[in-house]
């Protein structure tokens, strides 16, 4: 294991601001190591859903994906958002290739079982790590995968899967072959002690402090699955994980996730 791999996850809020997105992509393009971009697009999906007369439904930061919603997120994530990002990276001389989890079978998943909540066509990634041969092949040939938050069940069904989970999962899968650094790019400069004070960044976050912040409602909704994925990824082999904003995708001024 003598190669570094950089994985950057960007969310809908960054992509909603053209100048922020352009700056992030410029910095991503300047990374010389093999790299992967993972993106969300939930804000755009919600916007287009409303234009089509659909009401987005969220529970604890996760989207309820019924049939009409699956059609929207497939169009938005796999088409509109993904291909625009690929085009922008090509303009920066980054030989990007857009992928869903079905492409090259890089992310097989299972439909989330119905429990107290029916999330519809939401996909959960399995505990076992599938072969990463396809991604390694692309990376070894100088291509930069741009992964959207769509997976598949192996039986022809696309599934909507949390992009933060995908970023962590890919990082763990590829940690067998690379020293992986994963950065979650936020609209805030890191994890904050005071959500209203951008100067209250926690420079290092450990599990006990994280649980305290969840219990005190400082960390809520979409940040919870993001941080759950971060801690899990670190335990399973990712070398370094940071949360930071679009101004600094190196994580040096953001929050570093650490274990005791």
C-alpha atoms as a PDB file:
ATOM      1  CA  UNK A   1       0.000   0.000   0.000  1.00  0.00           C
ATOM      2  CA  UNK A   2       2.103   2.876  -1.273  1.00  0.00           C
ATOM      3  CA  UNK A   3      -0.481   5.138  -2.899  1.00  0.00           C
ATOM      4  CA  UNK A   4      -2.661   7.867  -1.464  1.00  0.00           C
ATOM      5  CA  UNK A   5      -6.296   8.200  -2.523  1.00  0.00           C
ATOM      6  CA  UNK A   6      -8.340  11.353  -1.969  1.00  0.00           C
ATOM      7  CA  UNK A   7     -12.130  11.076  -1.764  1.00  0.00           C
ATOM      8  CA  UNK A   8     -14.186  14.261  -1.665  1.00  0.00           C
ATOM      9  CA  UNK A   9     -17.904  14.291  -0.930  1.00  0.00           C
ATOM     10  CA  UNK A  10     -19.851  17.419  -1.840  1.00  0.00           C
ATOM     11  CA  UNK A  11     -23.478  18.090  -0.989  1.00  0.00           C
ATOM     12  CA  UNK A  12     -26.356  19.935  -2.530  1.00  0.00           C
ATOM     13  CA  UNK A  13     -25.819  23.185  -0.674  1.00  0.00           C
ATOM     14  CA  UNK A  14     -22.338  23.645  -2.093  1.00  0.00           C
ATOM     15  CA  UNK A  15     -23.597  22.755  -5.549  1.00  0.00           C
ATOM     16  CA  UNK A  16     -26.382  25.321  -5.228  1.00  0.00           C
ATOM     17  CA  UNK A  17     -23.787  28.124  -5.279  1.00  0.00           C
ATOM     18  CA  UNK A  18     -21.913  28.357  -8.551  1.00  0.00           C
ATOM     19  CA  UNK A  19     -18.911  30.272  -7.185  1.00  0.00           C
ATOM     20  CA  UNK A  20     -18.467  27.883  -4.252  1.00  0.00           C
ATOM     21  CA  UNK A  21     -18.755  24.863  -6.510  1.00  0.00           C
ATOM     22  CA  UNK A  22     -16.251  26.265  -8.999  1.00  0.00           C
ATOM     23  CA  UNK A  23     -13.744  26.919  -6.210  1.00  0.00           C
ATOM     24  CA  UNK A  24     -14.186  23.413  -4.789  1.00  0.00           C
ATOM     25  CA  UNK A  25     -13.720  21.823  -8.205  1.00  0.00           C
ATOM     26  CA  UNK A  26     -10.626  23.952  -8.872  1.00  0.00           C
ATOM     27  CA  UNK A  27      -9.081  22.696  -5.637  1.00  0.00           C
ATOM     28  CA  UNK A  28     -10.154  19.131  -6.336  1.00  0.00           C
ATOM     29  CA  UNK A  29      -8.570  19.348  -9.796  1.00  0.00           C
ATOM     30  CA  UNK A  30      -5.268  20.423  -8.226  1.00  0.00           C
ATOM     31  CA  UNK A  31      -5.000  17.217  -6.166  1.00  0.00           C
ATOM     32  CA  UNK A  32      -2.303  15.160  -7.853  1.00  0.00           C
ATOM     33  CA  UNK A  33      -3.103  11.829  -6.171  1.00  0.00           C
ATOM     34  CA  UNK A  34      -5.712   9.399  -7.487  1.00  0.00           C
ATOM     35  CA  UNK A  35      -9.091  10.805  -6.474  1.00  0.00           C
ATOM     36  CA  UNK A  36     -12.823  10.213  -6.429  1.00  0.00           C
ATOM     37  CA  UNK A  37     -15.646  12.734  -6.215  1.00  0.00           C
ATOM     38  CA  UNK A  38     -18.899  11.657  -4.555  1.00  0.00           C
ATOM     39  CA  UNK A  39     -21.862  14.011  -4.793  1.00  0.00           C
ATOM     40  CA  UNK A  40     -25.351  14.424  -3.477  1.00  0.00           C
ATOM     41  CA  UNK A  41     -27.970  16.689  -4.986  1.00  0.00           C
ATOM     42  CA  UNK A  42     -30.893  16.498  -2.629  1.00  0.00           C
ATOM     43  CA  UNK A  43     -31.708  20.187  -2.802  1.00  0.00           C
ATOM     44  CA  UNK A  44     -31.958  20.073  -6.589  1.00  0.00           C
ATOM     45  CA  UNK A  45     -34.045  16.902  -6.420  1.00  0.00           C
ATOM     46  CA  UNK A  46     -36.443  18.562  -3.977  1.00  0.00           C
ATOM     47  CA  UNK A  47     -36.661  21.654  -6.159  1.00  0.00           C
ATOM     48  CA  UNK A  48     -37.510  19.662  -9.288  1.00  0.00           C
ATOM     49  CA  UNK A  49     -39.906  17.425  -7.356  1.00  0.00           C
ATOM     50  CA  UNK A  50     -41.893  20.487  -6.331  1.00  0.00           C
ATOM     51  CA  UNK A  51     -41.980  21.741  -9.919  1.00  0.00           C
ATOM     52  CA  UNK A  52     -43.474  18.377 -10.874  1.00  0.00           C
ATOM     53  CA  UNK A  53     -46.117  18.632  -8.140  1.00  0.00           C
ATOM     54  CA  UNK A  54     -44.430  16.168  -5.764  1.00  0.00           C
ATOM     55  CA  UNK A  55     -43.912  16.934  -2.085  1.00  0.00           C
ATOM     56  CA  UNK A  56     -40.492  15.793  -0.830  1.00  0.00           C
ATOM     57  CA  UNK A  57     -40.680  13.788   2.392  1.00  0.00           C
ATOM     58  CA  UNK A  58     -37.733  13.500   4.772  1.00  0.00           C
ATOM     59  CA  UNK A  59     -37.277  11.591   8.037  1.00  0.00           C
ATOM     60  CA  UNK A  60     -34.154  12.281  10.124  1.00  0.00           C
ATOM     61  CA  UNK A  61     -32.438  13.778   7.108  1.00  0.00           C
ATOM     62  CA  UNK A  62     -33.212  10.783   4.854  1.00  0.00           C
ATOM     63  CA  UNK A  63     -35.495  10.979   1.834  1.00  0.00           C
ATOM     64  CA  UNK A  64     -38.594   8.811   1.449  1.00  0.00           C
ATOM     65  CA  UNK A  65     -38.155   7.398  -2.064  1.00  0.00           C
ATOM     66  CA  UNK A  66     -41.445   6.253  -3.574  1.00  0.00           C
ATOM     67  CA  UNK A  67     -41.756   5.420  -7.294  1.00  0.00           C
ATOM     68  CA  UNK A  68     -42.194   9.006  -8.570  1.00  0.00           C
ATOM     69  CA  UNK A  69     -39.377  10.232  -6.312  1.00  0.00           C
ATOM     70  CA  UNK A  70     -37.060   7.486  -7.569  1.00  0.00           C
ATOM     71  CA  UNK A  71     -37.665   8.682 -11.122  1.00  0.00           C
ATOM     72  CA  UNK A  72     -36.784  12.246 -10.104  1.00  0.00           C
ATOM     73  CA  UNK A  73     -33.617  11.358  -8.215  1.00  0.00           C
ATOM     74  CA  UNK A  74     -32.468   9.100 -11.036  1.00  0.00           C
ATOM     75  CA  UNK A  75     -32.833  11.965 -13.505  1.00  0.00           C
ATOM     76  CA  UNK A  76     -31.310  14.550 -11.185  1.00  0.00           C
ATOM     77  CA  UNK A  77     -28.507  12.586  -9.521  1.00  0.00           C
ATOM     78  CA  UNK A  78     -27.492  10.307 -12.376  1.00  0.00           C
ATOM     79  CA  UNK A  79     -28.122  12.817 -15.154  1.00  0.00           C
ATOM     80  CA  UNK A  80     -28.399  16.534 -14.512  1.00  0.00           C
ATOM     81  CA  UNK A  81     -26.051  16.857 -11.527  1.00  0.00           C
ATOM     82  CA  UNK A  82     -23.576  14.107 -12.373  1.00  0.00           C
ATOM     83  CA  UNK A  83     -23.000  15.069 -15.989  1.00  0.00           C
ATOM     84  CA  UNK A  84     -22.662  18.757 -15.216  1.00  0.00           C
ATOM     85  CA  UNK A  85     -19.951  17.932 -12.673  1.00  0.00           C
ATOM     86  CA  UNK A  86     -18.178  15.692 -15.185  1.00  0.00           C
ATOM     87  CA  UNK A  87     -18.287  18.460 -17.786  1.00  0.00           C
ATOM     88  CA  UNK A  88     -16.923  21.039 -15.331  1.00  0.00           C
ATOM     89  CA  UNK A  89     -14.057  18.718 -14.378  1.00  0.00           C
ATOM     90  CA  UNK A  90     -13.247  18.017 -18.034  1.00  0.00           C
ATOM     91  CA  UNK A  91     -12.912  21.786 -18.492  1.00  0.00           C
ATOM     92  CA  UNK A  92     -10.303  21.684 -15.709  1.00  0.00           C
ATOM     93  CA  UNK A  93      -8.345  18.939 -17.519  1.00  0.00           C
ATOM     94  CA  UNK A  94      -9.596  16.263 -15.124  1.00  0.00           C
ATOM     95  CA  UNK A  95     -10.541  13.142 -17.077  1.00  0.00           C
ATOM     96  CA  UNK A  96     -13.702  12.456 -15.090  1.00  0.00           C
ATOM     97  CA  UNK A  97     -16.185   9.650 -15.644  1.00  0.00           C
ATOM     98  CA  UNK A  98     -19.689   9.732 -14.170  1.00  0.00           C
ATOM     99  CA  UNK A  99     -20.912   6.602 -12.405  1.00  0.00           C
ATOM    100  CA  UNK A 100     -23.888   5.243 -10.543  1.00  0.00           C
ATOM    101  CA  UNK A 101     -23.571   2.197  -8.336  1.00  0.00           C
ATOM    102  CA  UNK A 102     -24.915   0.063 -11.180  1.00  0.00           C
ATOM    103  CA  UNK A 103     -22.092   1.067 -13.541  1.00  0.00           C
ATOM    104  CA  UNK A 104     -19.418  -1.588 -13.369  1.00  0.00           C
ATOM    105  CA  UNK A 105     -21.368  -3.043 -10.441  1.00  0.00           C
ATOM    106  CA  UNK A 106     -19.391  -0.766  -8.131  1.00  0.00           C
ATOM    107  CA  UNK A 107     -22.132  -0.451  -5.505  1.00  0.00           C
ATOM    108  CA  UNK A 108     -24.584  -3.333  -5.154  1.00  0.00           C
ATOM    109  CA  UNK A 109     -27.087  -2.669  -2.381  1.00  0.00           C
ATOM    110  CA  UNK A 110     -30.270  -4.012  -0.808  1.00  0.00           C
ATOM    111  CA  UNK A 111     -33.619  -2.297  -0.492  1.00  0.00           C
ATOM    112  CA  UNK A 112     -34.071  -1.058   3.063  1.00  0.00           C
ATOM    113  CA  UNK A 113     -36.497  -3.296   4.977  1.00  0.00           C
ATOM    114  CA  UNK A 114     -39.718  -1.706   6.146  1.00  0.00           C
ATOM    115  CA  UNK A 115     -39.662  -1.178   9.901  1.00  0.00           C
ATOM    116  CA  UNK A 116     -41.343   1.725  11.672  1.00  0.00           C
ATOM    117  CA  UNK A 117     -40.795   3.789   8.528  1.00  0.00           C
ATOM    118  CA  UNK A 118     -41.102   2.726   4.899  1.00  0.00           C
ATOM    119  CA  UNK A 119     -38.293   4.539   3.095  1.00  0.00           C
ATOM    120  CA  UNK A 120     -39.401   3.132  -0.242  1.00  0.00           C
ATOM    121  CA  UNK A 121     -36.625   2.524  -2.760  1.00  0.00           C
ATOM    122  CA  UNK A 122     -33.821   3.431  -0.386  1.00  0.00           C
ATOM    123  CA  UNK A 123     -30.717   1.302  -0.694  1.00  0.00           C
ATOM    124  CA  UNK A 124     -28.520   0.079   2.133  1.00  0.00           C
ATOM    125  CA  UNK A 125     -24.992  -1.055   1.414  1.00  0.00           C
ATOM    126  CA  UNK A 126     -24.117  -4.560   2.640  1.00  0.00           C
ATOM    127  CA  UNK A 127     -21.699  -5.292   5.458  1.00  0.00           C
ATOM    128  CA  UNK A 128     -19.355  -7.152   3.131  1.00  0.00           C
ATOM    129  CA  UNK A 129     -17.137  -5.142   0.838  1.00  0.00           C
ATOM    130  CA  UNK A 130     -17.610  -6.004  -2.851  1.00  0.00           C
ATOM    131  CA  UNK A 131     -14.678  -6.157  -5.233  1.00  0.00           C
ATOM    132  CA  UNK A 132     -13.276  -2.737  -6.076  1.00  0.00           C
ATOM    133  CA  UNK A 133     -11.686  -3.975  -9.319  1.00  0.00           C
ATOM    134  CA  UNK A 134     -13.685  -1.599 -11.525  1.00  0.00           C
ATOM    135  CA  UNK A 135     -12.713   1.494  -9.563  1.00  0.00           C
ATOM    136  CA  UNK A 136      -9.078   0.394  -9.367  1.00  0.00           C
ATOM    137  CA  UNK A 137      -9.057  -0.141 -13.122  1.00  0.00           C
ATOM    138  CA  UNK A 138     -10.373   3.368 -13.719  1.00  0.00           C
ATOM    139  CA  UNK A 139      -7.985   4.947 -11.208  1.00  0.00           C
ATOM    140  CA  UNK A 140      -5.002   3.066 -12.616  1.00  0.00           C
ATOM    141  CA  UNK A 141      -5.795   4.478 -16.051  1.00  0.00           C
ATOM    142  CA  UNK A 142      -5.908   8.052 -14.788  1.00  0.00           C
ATOM    143  CA  UNK A 143      -9.693   8.394 -14.773  1.00  0.00           C
ATOM    144  CA  UNK A 144     -11.475  10.210 -11.959  1.00  0.00           C
ATOM    145  CA  UNK A 145     -14.763   8.573 -10.918  1.00  0.00           C
ATOM    146  CA  UNK A 146     -17.625  10.961 -10.142  1.00  0.00           C
ATOM    147  CA  UNK A 147     -20.119   8.887  -8.161  1.00  0.00           C
ATOM    148  CA  UNK A 148     -23.774   9.798  -7.745  1.00  0.00           C
ATOM    149  CA  UNK A 149     -25.938   8.484  -4.856  1.00  0.00           C
ATOM    150  CA  UNK A 150     -27.668   5.724  -6.805  1.00  0.00           C
ATOM    151  CA  UNK A 151     -27.034   2.012  -6.205  1.00  0.00           C
ATOM    152  CA  UNK A 152     -28.739  -1.157  -7.509  1.00  0.00           C
ATOM    153  CA  UNK A 153     -29.999  -4.458  -6.152  1.00  0.00           C
ATOM    154  CA  UNK A 154     -28.593  -6.746  -8.858  1.00  0.00           C
ATOM    155  CA  UNK A 155     -32.099  -7.500 -10.137  1.00  0.00           C
ATOM    156  CA  UNK A 156     -32.633  -4.421 -12.270  1.00  0.00           C
ATOM    157  CA  UNK A 157     -33.808  -2.076  -9.524  1.00  0.00           C
ATOM    158  CA  UNK A 158     -32.093   1.252  -8.878  1.00  0.00           C
ATOM    159  CA  UNK A 159     -32.005   2.459  -5.282  1.00  0.00           C
ATOM    160  CA  UNK A 160     -31.470   5.852  -3.657  1.00  0.00           C
ATOM    161  CA  UNK A 161     -28.542   5.684  -1.228  1.00  0.00           C
ATOM    162  CA  UNK A 162     -27.121   8.304   1.094  1.00  0.00           C
ATOM    163  CA  UNK A 163     -24.085   9.947  -0.529  1.00  0.00           C
ATOM    164  CA  UNK A 164     -22.245  10.244   2.789  1.00  0.00           C
ATOM    165  CA  UNK A 165     -22.613   6.492   3.231  1.00  0.00           C
ATOM    166  CA  UNK A 166     -21.321   5.872  -0.285  1.00  0.00           C
ATOM    167  CA  UNK A 167     -18.251   8.055   0.305  1.00  0.00           C
ATOM    168  CA  UNK A 168     -17.357   6.203   3.502  1.00  0.00           C
ATOM    169  CA  UNK A 169     -18.107   2.804   1.953  1.00  0.00           C
ATOM    170  CA  UNK A 170     -15.872   3.456  -1.049  1.00  0.00           C
ATOM    171  CA  UNK A 171     -13.141   4.696   1.260  1.00  0.00           C
ATOM    172  CA  UNK A 172     -13.255   1.525   3.343  1.00  0.00           C
ATOM    173  CA  UNK A 173     -13.383  -0.728   0.278  1.00  0.00           C
ATOM    174  CA  UNK A 174     -10.361   0.954  -1.285  1.00  0.00           C
ATOM    175  CA  UNK A 175      -8.391   1.216   1.974  1.00  0.00           C
ATOM    176  CA  UNK A 176      -7.041  -2.266   1.240  1.00  0.00           C
ATOM    177  CA  UNK A 177      -5.055  -0.763  -1.613  1.00  0.00           C
ATOM    178  CA  UNK A 178      -4.620   2.931  -0.775  1.00  0.00           C
ATOM    179  CA  UNK A 179      -4.000   5.251   2.133  1.00  0.00           C
ATOM    180  CA  UNK A 180      -7.423   6.922   1.999  1.00  0.00           C
ATOM    181  CA  UNK A 181      -8.238  10.468   3.033  1.00  0.00           C
ATOM    182  CA  UNK A 182     -11.955  11.282   3.008  1.00  0.00           C
ATOM    183  CA  UNK A 183     -13.231  14.851   3.168  1.00  0.00           C
ATOM    184  CA  UNK A 184     -16.864  15.815   3.638  1.00  0.00           C
ATOM    185  CA  UNK A 185     -17.338  19.309   2.207  1.00  0.00           C
ATOM    186  CA  UNK A 186     -20.059  21.204   4.098  1.00  0.00           C
ATOM    187  CA  UNK A 187     -21.655  24.616   3.990  1.00  0.00           C
ATOM    188  CA  UNK A 188     -20.119  25.191   7.451  1.00  0.00           C
ATOM    189  CA  UNK A 189     -16.416  25.227   8.367  1.00  0.00           C
ATOM    190  CA  UNK A 190     -16.685  21.994  10.361  1.00  0.00           C
ATOM    191  CA  UNK A 191     -18.583  20.569  13.311  1.00  0.00           C
ATOM    192  CA  UNK A 192     -19.612  23.498  15.494  1.00  0.00           C
ATOM    193  CA  UNK A 193     -20.053  23.718  19.279  1.00  0.00           C
ATOM    194  CA  UNK A 194     -22.563  26.490  18.587  1.00  0.00           C
ATOM    195  CA  UNK A 195     -24.485  25.988  15.309  1.00  0.00           C
ATOM    196  CA  UNK A 196     -24.918  29.761  15.002  1.00  0.00           C
ATOM    197  CA  UNK A 197     -21.232  30.577  15.486  1.00  0.00           C
ATOM    198  CA  UNK A 198     -18.954  29.627  12.600  1.00  0.00           C
ATOM    199  CA  UNK A 199     -15.949  30.386  14.808  1.00  0.00           C
ATOM    200  CA  UNK A 200     -16.830  27.554  17.201  1.00  0.00           C
ATOM    201  CA  UNK A 201     -15.285  24.786  15.086  1.00  0.00           C
ATOM    202  CA  UNK A 202     -14.326  21.632  16.977  1.00  0.00           C
ATOM    203  CA  UNK A 203     -10.851  20.848  15.645  1.00  0.00           C
ATOM    204  CA  UNK A 204     -10.989  17.156  16.629  1.00  0.00           C
ATOM    205  CA  UNK A 205     -14.131  15.145  17.322  1.00  0.00           C
ATOM    206  CA  UNK A 206     -14.134  11.858  19.220  1.00  0.00           C
ATOM    207  CA  UNK A 207     -17.086   9.474  19.727  1.00  0.00           C
ATOM    208  CA  UNK A 208     -17.857  10.489  23.328  1.00  0.00           C
ATOM    209  CA  UNK A 209     -18.030  14.205  22.467  1.00  0.00           C
ATOM    210  CA  UNK A 210     -20.122  13.363  19.409  1.00  0.00           C
ATOM    211  CA  UNK A 211     -22.689  11.485  21.499  1.00  0.00           C
ATOM    212  CA  UNK A 212     -22.887  14.374  23.954  1.00  0.00           C
ATOM    213  CA  UNK A 213     -23.565  16.818  21.116  1.00  0.00           C
ATOM    214  CA  UNK A 214     -26.281  14.554  19.703  1.00  0.00           C
ATOM    215  CA  UNK A 215     -27.959  14.219  23.109  1.00  0.00           C
ATOM    216  CA  UNK A 216     -27.877  17.983  23.633  1.00  0.00           C
ATOM    217  CA  UNK A 217     -29.379  18.519  20.132  1.00  0.00           C
ATOM    218  CA  UNK A 218     -26.358  20.468  18.906  1.00  0.00           C
ATOM    219  CA  UNK A 219     -25.914  17.867  16.164  1.00  0.00           C
ATOM    220  CA  UNK A 220     -29.192  16.957  14.476  1.00  0.00           C
ATOM    221  CA  UNK A 221     -30.781  15.507  11.329  1.00  0.00           C
ATOM    222  CA  UNK A 222     -28.477  15.131   8.319  1.00  0.00           C
ATOM    223  CA  UNK A 223     -25.272  15.586  10.308  1.00  0.00           C
ATOM    224  CA  UNK A 224     -25.988  12.434  12.305  1.00  0.00           C
ATOM    225  CA  UNK A 225     -25.729   9.903   9.443  1.00  0.00           C
ATOM    226  CA  UNK A 226     -22.758  11.862   8.103  1.00  0.00           C
ATOM    227  CA  UNK A 227     -20.835  11.541  11.358  1.00  0.00           C
ATOM    228  CA  UNK A 228     -21.992   7.967  11.957  1.00  0.00           C
ATOM    229  CA  UNK A 229     -20.495   7.108   8.582  1.00  0.00           C
ATOM    230  CA  UNK A 230     -17.312   8.998   9.385  1.00  0.00           C
ATOM    231  CA  UNK A 231     -16.658   7.157  12.645  1.00  0.00           C
ATOM    232  CA  UNK A 232     -17.527   3.826  11.073  1.00  0.00           C
ATOM    233  CA  UNK A 233     -15.207   4.488   8.127  1.00  0.00           C
ATOM    234  CA  UNK A 234     -12.328   5.390  10.406  1.00  0.00           C
ATOM    235  CA  UNK A 235     -12.767   2.192  12.412  1.00  0.00           C
ATOM    236  CA  UNK A 236     -12.836   0.101   9.229  1.00  0.00           C
ATOM    237  CA  UNK A 237      -9.663   1.345   7.598  1.00  0.00           C
ATOM    238  CA  UNK A 238      -9.886   4.914   6.262  1.00  0.00           C
ATOM    239  CA  UNK A 239      -6.718   6.721   7.325  1.00  0.00           C
ATOM    240  CA  UNK A 240      -8.044  10.264   7.801  1.00  0.00           C
ATOM    241  CA  UNK A 241     -11.494  11.881   7.725  1.00  0.00           C
ATOM    242  CA  UNK A 242     -12.238  15.601   7.828  1.00  0.00           C
ATOM    243  CA  UNK A 243     -15.311  17.813   7.722  1.00  0.00           C
ATOM    244  CA  UNK A 244     -14.756  21.303   6.354  1.00  0.00           C
ATOM    245  CA  UNK A 245     -16.289  23.936   4.120  1.00  0.00           C
ATOM    246  CA  UNK A 246     -15.789  24.834   0.476  1.00  0.00           C
ATOM    247  CA  UNK A 247     -12.993  27.269   1.339  1.00  0.00           C
ATOM    248  CA  UNK A 248     -10.676  24.493   2.504  1.00  0.00           C
ATOM    249  CA  UNK A 249     -11.140  20.959   1.200  1.00  0.00           C
ATOM    250  CA  UNK A 250      -7.843  19.904   2.809  1.00  0.00           C
ATOM    251  CA  UNK A 251      -9.605  19.845   6.186  1.00  0.00           C
ATOM    252  CA  UNK A 252      -6.746  21.721   7.870  1.00  0.00           C
ATOM    253  CA  UNK A 253      -9.112  24.355   9.253  1.00  0.00           C
ATOM    254  CA  UNK A 254     -12.081  22.037   9.782  1.00  0.00           C
ATOM    255  CA  UNK A 255     -12.913  19.108  12.036  1.00  0.00           C
ATOM    256  CA  UNK A 256     -10.788  15.972  12.097  1.00  0.00           C
ATOM    257  CA  UNK A 257     -12.627  12.783  13.102  1.00  0.00           C
ATOM    258  CA  UNK A 258     -10.536  10.793  15.565  1.00  0.00           C
ATOM    259  CA  UNK A 259     -10.833   7.659  17.677  1.00  0.00           C
ATOM    260  CA  UNK A 260      -9.623   7.284  21.294  1.00  0.00           C
END
